[in-house]
Amino acid sequence: SSITGMNVQANKSIVGANAFAHSSGIHQ
């Protein structure tokens, strides 16, 4: 991503910023 300038969407599976993030109270 850094070299190509092609940003990874946050909800991208495995490597996205939100792939292992939890905000719902039930999920947390």
PDB file of all heavy atoms in Angstrom:
ATOM      1  N   SER A   1       0.829  -1.207   0.000  1.00  0.00           N
ATOM      2  CA  SER A   1       0.000   0.000   0.000  1.00  0.00           C
ATOM      3  C   SER A   1       0.860   1.253   0.000  1.00  0.00           C
ATOM      4  O   SER A   1       0.593   2.214  -0.718  1.00  0.00           O
ATOM      5  CB  SER A   1      -0.925  -0.011   1.225  1.00  0.00           C
ATOM      6  OG  SER A   1      -1.708   1.150   1.269  1.00  0.00           O
ATOM      7  N   SER A   2       1.924   1.227   0.791  1.00  0.00           N
ATOM      8  CA  SER A   2       2.824   2.373   0.881  1.00  0.00           C
ATOM      9  C   SER A   2       3.540   2.631  -0.444  1.00  0.00           C
ATOM     10  O   SER A   2       3.656   3.776  -0.890  1.00  0.00           O
ATOM     11  CB  SER A   2       3.835   2.127   2.004  1.00  0.00           C
ATOM     12  OG  SER A   2       4.921   2.987   1.925  1.00  0.00           O
ATOM     13  N   ILE A   3       4.007   1.573  -1.082  1.00  0.00           N
ATOM     14  CA  ILE A   3       4.781   1.723  -2.316  1.00  0.00           C
ATOM     15  C   ILE A   3       3.901   2.121  -3.491  1.00  0.00           C
ATOM     16  O   ILE A   3       4.276   2.976  -4.305  1.00  0.00           O
ATOM     17  CB  ILE A   3       5.545   0.412  -2.620  1.00  0.00           C
ATOM     18  CG1 ILE A   3       6.728   0.277  -1.635  1.00  0.00           C
ATOM     19  CG2 ILE A   3       6.044   0.381  -4.062  1.00  0.00           C
ATOM     20  CD1 ILE A   3       7.494  -1.021  -1.760  1.00  0.00           C
ATOM     21  N   THR A   4       2.719   1.522  -3.587  1.00  0.00           N
ATOM     22  CA  THR A   4       1.852   1.783  -4.737  1.00  0.00           C
ATOM     23  C   THR A   4       0.953   2.994  -4.557  1.00  0.00           C
ATOM     24  O   THR A   4       0.424   3.541  -5.523  1.00  0.00           O
ATOM     25  CB  THR A   4       0.955   0.572  -5.026  1.00  0.00           C
ATOM     26  OG1 THR A   4       0.094   0.349  -3.891  1.00  0.00           O
ATOM     27  CG2 THR A   4       1.779  -0.669  -5.298  1.00  0.00           C
ATOM     28  N   GLY A   5       0.751   3.405  -3.291  1.00  0.00           N
ATOM     29  CA  GLY A   5      -0.184   4.496  -3.024  1.00  0.00           C
ATOM     30  C   GLY A   5      -1.636   4.060  -3.105  1.00  0.00           C
ATOM     31  O   GLY A   5      -2.537   4.898  -3.076  1.00  0.00           O
ATOM     32  N   MET A   6      -1.873   2.743  -3.180  1.00  0.00           N
ATOM     33  CA  MET A   6      -3.236   2.204  -3.238  1.00  0.00           C
ATOM     34  C   MET A   6      -3.660   1.837  -1.823  1.00  0.00           C
ATOM     35  O   MET A   6      -3.223   0.824  -1.274  1.00  0.00           O
ATOM     36  CB  MET A   6      -3.295   0.970  -4.145  1.00  0.00           C
ATOM     37  CG  MET A   6      -2.786   1.210  -5.552  1.00  0.00           C
ATOM     38  SD  MET A   6      -3.905   2.219  -6.539  1.00  0.00           S
ATOM     39  CE  MET A   6      -5.168   1.034  -6.918  1.00  0.00           C
ATOM     40  N   ASN A   7      -4.500   2.674  -1.212  1.00  0.00           N
ATOM     41  CA  ASN A   7      -4.910   2.447   0.166  1.00  0.00           C
ATOM     42  C   ASN A   7      -5.833   1.235   0.280  1.00  0.00           C
ATOM     43  O   ASN A   7      -6.623   0.948  -0.607  1.00  0.00           O
ATOM     44  CB  ASN A   7      -5.619   3.684   0.720  1.00  0.00           C
ATOM     45  CG  ASN A   7      -4.681   4.865   0.850  1.00  0.00           C
ATOM     46  OD1 ASN A   7      -3.487   4.685   1.093  1.00  0.00           O
ATOM     47  ND2 ASN A   7      -5.194   6.067   0.683  1.00  0.00           N
ATOM     48  N   VAL A   8      -5.728   0.559   1.408  1.00  0.00           N
ATOM     49  CA  VAL A   8      -6.580  -0.595   1.690  1.00  0.00           C
ATOM     50  C   VAL A   8      -7.813  -0.107   2.441  1.00  0.00           C
ATOM     51  O   VAL A   8      -7.699   0.602   3.435  1.00  0.00           O
ATOM     52  CB  VAL A   8      -5.820  -1.631   2.552  1.00  0.00           C
ATOM     53  CG1 VAL A   8      -6.738  -2.792   2.924  1.00  0.00           C
ATOM     54  CG2 VAL A   8      -4.588  -2.126   1.805  1.00  0.00           C
ATOM     55  N   GLN A   9      -9.001  -0.484   1.963  1.00  0.00           N
ATOM     56  CA  GLN A   9     -10.215  -0.054   2.638  1.00  0.00           C
ATOM     57  C   GLN A   9     -10.260  -0.619   4.057  1.00  0.00           C
ATOM     58  O   GLN A   9      -9.777  -1.723   4.323  1.00  0.00           O
ATOM     59  CB  GLN A   9     -11.444  -0.507   1.853  1.00  0.00           C
ATOM     60  CG  GLN A   9     -11.614  -2.026   1.772  1.00  0.00           C
ATOM     61  CD  GLN A   9     -12.596  -2.436   0.709  1.00  0.00           C
ATOM     62  OE1 GLN A   9     -12.373  -2.137  -0.459  1.00  0.00           O
ATOM     63  NE2 GLN A   9     -13.651  -3.119   1.090  1.00  0.00           N
ATOM     64  N   ALA A  10     -10.841   0.132   4.975  1.00  0.00           N
ATOM     65  CA  ALA A  10     -10.841  -0.249   6.382  1.00  0.00           C
ATOM     66  C   ALA A  10     -11.512  -1.594   6.622  1.00  0.00           C
ATOM     67  O   ALA A  10     -11.087  -2.362   7.494  1.00  0.00           O
ATOM     68  CB  ALA A  10     -11.522   0.835   7.218  1.00  0.00           C
ATOM     69  N   ASN A  11     -12.562  -1.909   5.864  1.00  0.00           N
ATOM     70  CA  ASN A  11     -13.282  -3.164   6.092  1.00  0.00           C
ATOM     71  C   ASN A  11     -12.786  -4.304   5.209  1.00  0.00           C
ATOM     72  O   ASN A  11     -13.461  -5.315   5.059  1.00  0.00           O
ATOM     73  CB  ASN A  11     -14.794  -2.967   5.881  1.00  0.00           C
ATOM     74  CG  ASN A  11     -15.138  -2.596   4.451  1.00  0.00           C
ATOM     75  OD1 ASN A  11     -14.341  -1.956   3.774  1.00  0.00           O
ATOM     76  ND2 ASN A  11     -16.308  -2.987   3.989  1.00  0.00           N
ATOM     77  N   LYS A  12     -11.591  -4.168   4.628  1.00  0.00           N
ATOM     78  CA  LYS A  12     -10.993  -5.246   3.837  1.00  0.00           C
ATOM     79  C   LYS A  12     -10.716  -6.440   4.744  1.00  0.00           C
ATOM     80  O   LYS A  12     -10.167  -6.288   5.834  1.00  0.00           O
ATOM     81  CB  LYS A  12      -9.698  -4.734   3.201  1.00  0.00           C
ATOM     82  CG  LYS A  12      -8.792  -5.796   2.609  1.00  0.00           C
ATOM     83  CD  LYS A  12      -9.316  -6.301   1.285  1.00  0.00           C
ATOM     84  CE  LYS A  12      -8.289  -7.200   0.611  1.00  0.00           C
ATOM     85  NZ  LYS A  12      -8.015  -8.430   1.350  1.00  0.00           N
ATOM     86  N   SER A  13     -11.085  -7.635   4.292  1.00  0.00           N
ATOM     87  CA  SER A  13     -10.857  -8.828   5.108  1.00  0.00           C
ATOM     88  C   SER A  13      -9.367  -9.055   5.341  1.00  0.00           C
ATOM     89  O   SER A  13      -8.530  -8.712   4.519  1.00  0.00           O
ATOM     90  CB  SER A  13     -11.474 -10.054   4.428  1.00  0.00           C
ATOM     91  OG  SER A  13     -10.913 -10.233   3.152  1.00  0.00           O
ATOM     92  N   ILE A  14      -9.042  -9.606   6.469  1.00  0.00           N
ATOM     93  CA  ILE A  14      -7.703 -10.025   6.902  1.00  0.00           C
ATOM     94  C   ILE A  14      -6.773  -8.867   7.229  1.00  0.00           C
ATOM     95  O   ILE A  14      -6.170  -8.834   8.298  1.00  0.00           O
ATOM     96  CB  ILE A  14      -7.003 -10.962   5.873  1.00  0.00           C
ATOM     97  CG1 ILE A  14      -7.962 -12.046   5.366  1.00  0.00           C
ATOM     98  CG2 ILE A  14      -5.735 -11.554   6.471  1.00  0.00           C
ATOM     99  CD1 ILE A  14      -8.501 -12.965   6.416  1.00  0.00           C
ATOM    100  N   VAL A  15      -6.617  -7.892   6.315  1.00  0.00           N
ATOM    101  CA  VAL A  15      -5.609  -6.851   6.507  1.00  0.00           C
ATOM    102  C   VAL A  15      -6.188  -5.451   6.667  1.00  0.00           C
ATOM    103  O   VAL A  15      -5.440  -4.492   6.868  1.00  0.00           O
ATOM    104  CB  VAL A  15      -4.591  -6.851   5.339  1.00  0.00           C
ATOM    105  CG1 VAL A  15      -3.772  -8.128   5.327  1.00  0.00           C
ATOM    106  CG2 VAL A  15      -5.301  -6.663   3.997  1.00  0.00           C
ATOM    107  N   GLY A  16      -7.508  -5.297   6.590  1.00  0.00           N
ATOM    108  CA  GLY A  16      -8.111  -3.975   6.758  1.00  0.00           C
ATOM    109  C   GLY A  16      -8.008  -3.509   8.209  1.00  0.00           C
ATOM    110  O   GLY A  16      -7.907  -4.316   9.141  1.00  0.00           O
ATOM    111  N   ALA A  17      -8.056  -2.196   8.407  1.00  0.00           N
ATOM    112  CA  ALA A  17      -7.927  -1.633   9.757  1.00  0.00           C
ATOM    113  C   ALA A  17      -9.012  -2.136  10.696  1.00  0.00           C
ATOM    114  O   ALA A  17      -8.805  -2.233  11.908  1.00  0.00           O
ATOM    115  CB  ALA A  17      -7.962  -0.103   9.676  1.00  0.00           C
ATOM    116  N   ASN A  18     -10.180  -2.449  10.150  1.00  0.00           N
ATOM    117  CA  ASN A  18     -11.295  -2.904  10.992  1.00  0.00           C
ATOM    118  C   ASN A  18     -11.463  -4.415  11.025  1.00  0.00           C
ATOM    119  O   ASN A  18     -12.446  -4.910  11.591  1.00  0.00           O
ATOM    120  CB  ASN A  18     -12.607  -2.278  10.497  1.00  0.00           C
ATOM    121  CG  ASN A  18     -12.652  -0.784  10.705  1.00  0.00           C
ATOM    122  OD1 ASN A  18     -11.850  -0.229  11.437  1.00  0.00           O
ATOM    123  ND2 ASN A  18     -13.592  -0.110  10.062  1.00  0.00           N
ATOM    124  N   ALA A  19     -10.542  -5.166  10.427  1.00  0.00           N
ATOM    125  CA  ALA A  19     -10.716  -6.619  10.303  1.00  0.00           C
ATOM    126  C   ALA A  19     -10.862  -7.302  11.652  1.00  0.00           C
ATOM    127  O   ALA A  19     -11.554  -8.318  11.773  1.00  0.00           O
ATOM    128  CB  ALA A  19      -9.545  -7.221   9.530  1.00  0.00           C
ATOM    129  N   PHE A  20     -10.204  -6.757  12.684  1.00  0.00           N
ATOM    130  CA  PHE A  20     -10.287  -7.367  14.017  1.00  0.00           C
ATOM    131  C   PHE A  20     -10.718  -6.334  15.058  1.00  0.00           C
ATOM    132  O   PHE A  20     -10.350  -6.411  16.224  1.00  0.00           O
ATOM    133  CB  PHE A  20      -8.936  -7.986  14.398  1.00  0.00           C
ATOM    134  CG  PHE A  20      -8.487  -9.038  13.427  1.00  0.00           C
ATOM    135  CD1 PHE A  20      -7.555  -8.737  12.439  1.00  0.00           C
ATOM    136  CD2 PHE A  20      -9.022 -10.310  13.462  1.00  0.00           C
ATOM    137  CE1 PHE A  20      -7.157  -9.701  11.519  1.00  0.00           C
ATOM    138  CE2 PHE A  20      -8.631 -11.283  12.544  1.00  0.00           C
ATOM    139  CZ  PHE A  20      -7.698 -10.972  11.572  1.00  0.00           C
ATOM    140  N   ALA A  21     -11.488  -5.357  14.613  1.00  0.00           N
ATOM    141  CA  ALA A  21     -11.960  -4.297  15.509  1.00  0.00           C
ATOM    142  C   ALA A  21     -13.437  -4.515  15.814  1.00  0.00           C
ATOM    143  O   ALA A  21     -14.211  -4.897  14.945  1.00  0.00           O
ATOM    144  CB  ALA A  21     -11.750  -2.930  14.864  1.00  0.00           C
ATOM    145  N   HIS A  22     -13.814  -4.263  17.055  1.00  0.00           N
ATOM    146  CA  HIS A  22     -15.188  -4.488  17.499  1.00  0.00           C
ATOM    147  C   HIS A  22     -15.703  -3.234  18.195  1.00  0.00           C
ATOM    148  O   HIS A  22     -15.077  -2.741  19.132  1.00  0.00           O
ATOM    149  CB  HIS A  22     -15.253  -5.673  18.471  1.00  0.00           C
ATOM    150  CG  HIS A  22     -14.608  -6.912  17.931  1.00  0.00           C
ATOM    151  ND1 HIS A  22     -15.288  -7.846  17.185  1.00  0.00           N
ATOM    152  CD2 HIS A  22     -13.325  -7.354  18.006  1.00  0.00           C
ATOM    153  CE1 HIS A  22     -14.462  -8.813  16.836  1.00  0.00           C
ATOM    154  NE2 HIS A  22     -13.252  -8.530  17.316  1.00  0.00           N
ATOM    155  N   SER A  23     -16.858  -2.726  17.727  1.00  0.00           N
ATOM    156  CA  SER A  23     -17.426  -1.537  18.361  1.00  0.00           C
ATOM    157  C   SER A  23     -18.801  -1.793  18.966  1.00  0.00           C
ATOM    158  O   SER A  23     -19.258  -1.041  19.816  1.00  0.00           O
ATOM    159  CB  SER A  23     -17.515  -0.381  17.353  1.00  0.00           C
ATOM    160  OG  SER A  23     -18.445  -0.681  16.343  1.00  0.00           O
ATOM    161  N   SER A  24     -19.484  -2.841  18.528  1.00  0.00           N
ATOM    162  CA  SER A  24     -20.790  -3.178  19.093  1.00  0.00           C
ATOM    163  C   SER A  24     -20.626  -3.732  20.500  1.00  0.00           C
ATOM    164  O   SER A  24     -19.775  -4.589  20.746  1.00  0.00           O
ATOM    165  CB  SER A  24     -21.485  -4.208  18.199  1.00  0.00           C
ATOM    166  OG  SER A  24     -22.519  -4.861  18.902  1.00  0.00           O
ATOM    167  N   GLY A  25     -21.445  -3.256  21.420  1.00  0.00           N
ATOM    168  CA  GLY A  25     -21.366  -3.728  22.799  1.00  0.00           C
ATOM    169  C   GLY A  25     -21.542  -5.225  22.917  1.00  0.00           C
ATOM    170  O   GLY A  25     -20.840  -5.898  23.691  1.00  0.00           O
ATOM    171  N   ILE A  26     -22.473  -5.813  22.146  1.00  0.00           N
ATOM    172  CA  ILE A  26     -22.714  -7.259  22.196  1.00  0.00           C
ATOM    173  C   ILE A  26     -21.474  -8.014  21.732  1.00  0.00           C
ATOM    174  O   ILE A  26     -21.042  -8.985  22.362  1.00  0.00           O
ATOM    175  CB  ILE A  26     -23.927  -7.625  21.317  1.00  0.00           C
ATOM    176  CG1 ILE A  26     -25.201  -6.998  21.893  1.00  0.00           C
ATOM    177  CG2 ILE A  26     -24.090  -9.134  21.206  1.00  0.00           C
ATOM    178  CD1 ILE A  26     -26.412  -7.133  21.001  1.00  0.00           C
ATOM    179  N   HIS A  27     -20.883  -7.562  20.626  1.00  0.00           N
ATOM    180  CA  HIS A  27     -19.681  -8.218  20.107  1.00  0.00           C
ATOM    181  C   HIS A  27     -18.516  -8.054  21.078  1.00  0.00           C
ATOM    182  O   HIS A  27     -17.750  -8.995  21.308  1.00  0.00           O
ATOM    183  CB  HIS A  27     -19.306  -7.626  18.746  1.00  0.00           C
ATOM    184  CG  HIS A  27     -20.194  -8.084  17.641  1.00  0.00           C
ATOM    185  ND1 HIS A  27     -19.727  -8.522  16.429  1.00  0.00           N
ATOM    186  CD2 HIS A  27     -21.553  -8.179  17.553  1.00  0.00           C
ATOM    187  CE1 HIS A  27     -20.736  -8.856  15.638  1.00  0.00           C
ATOM    188  NE2 HIS A  27     -21.862  -8.642  16.306  1.00  0.00           N
ATOM    189  N   GLN A  28     -18.357  -6.879  21.623  1.00  0.00           N
ATOM    190  CA  GLN A  28     -17.247  -6.631  22.551  1.00  0.00           C
ATOM    191  C   GLN A  28     -17.339  -7.539  23.767  1.00  0.00           C
ATOM    192  O   GLN A  28     -16.346  -8.114  24.208  1.00  0.00           O
ATOM    193  CB  GLN A  28     -17.247  -5.160  22.978  1.00  0.00           C
ATOM    194  CG  GLN A  28     -16.855  -4.214  21.861  1.00  0.00           C
ATOM    195  CD  GLN A  28     -17.030  -2.758  22.239  1.00  0.00           C
ATOM    196  OE1 GLN A  28     -17.813  -2.421  23.124  1.00  0.00           O
ATOM    197  NE2 GLN A  28     -16.325  -1.872  21.562  1.00  0.00           N
TER     198      GLN A  28
END
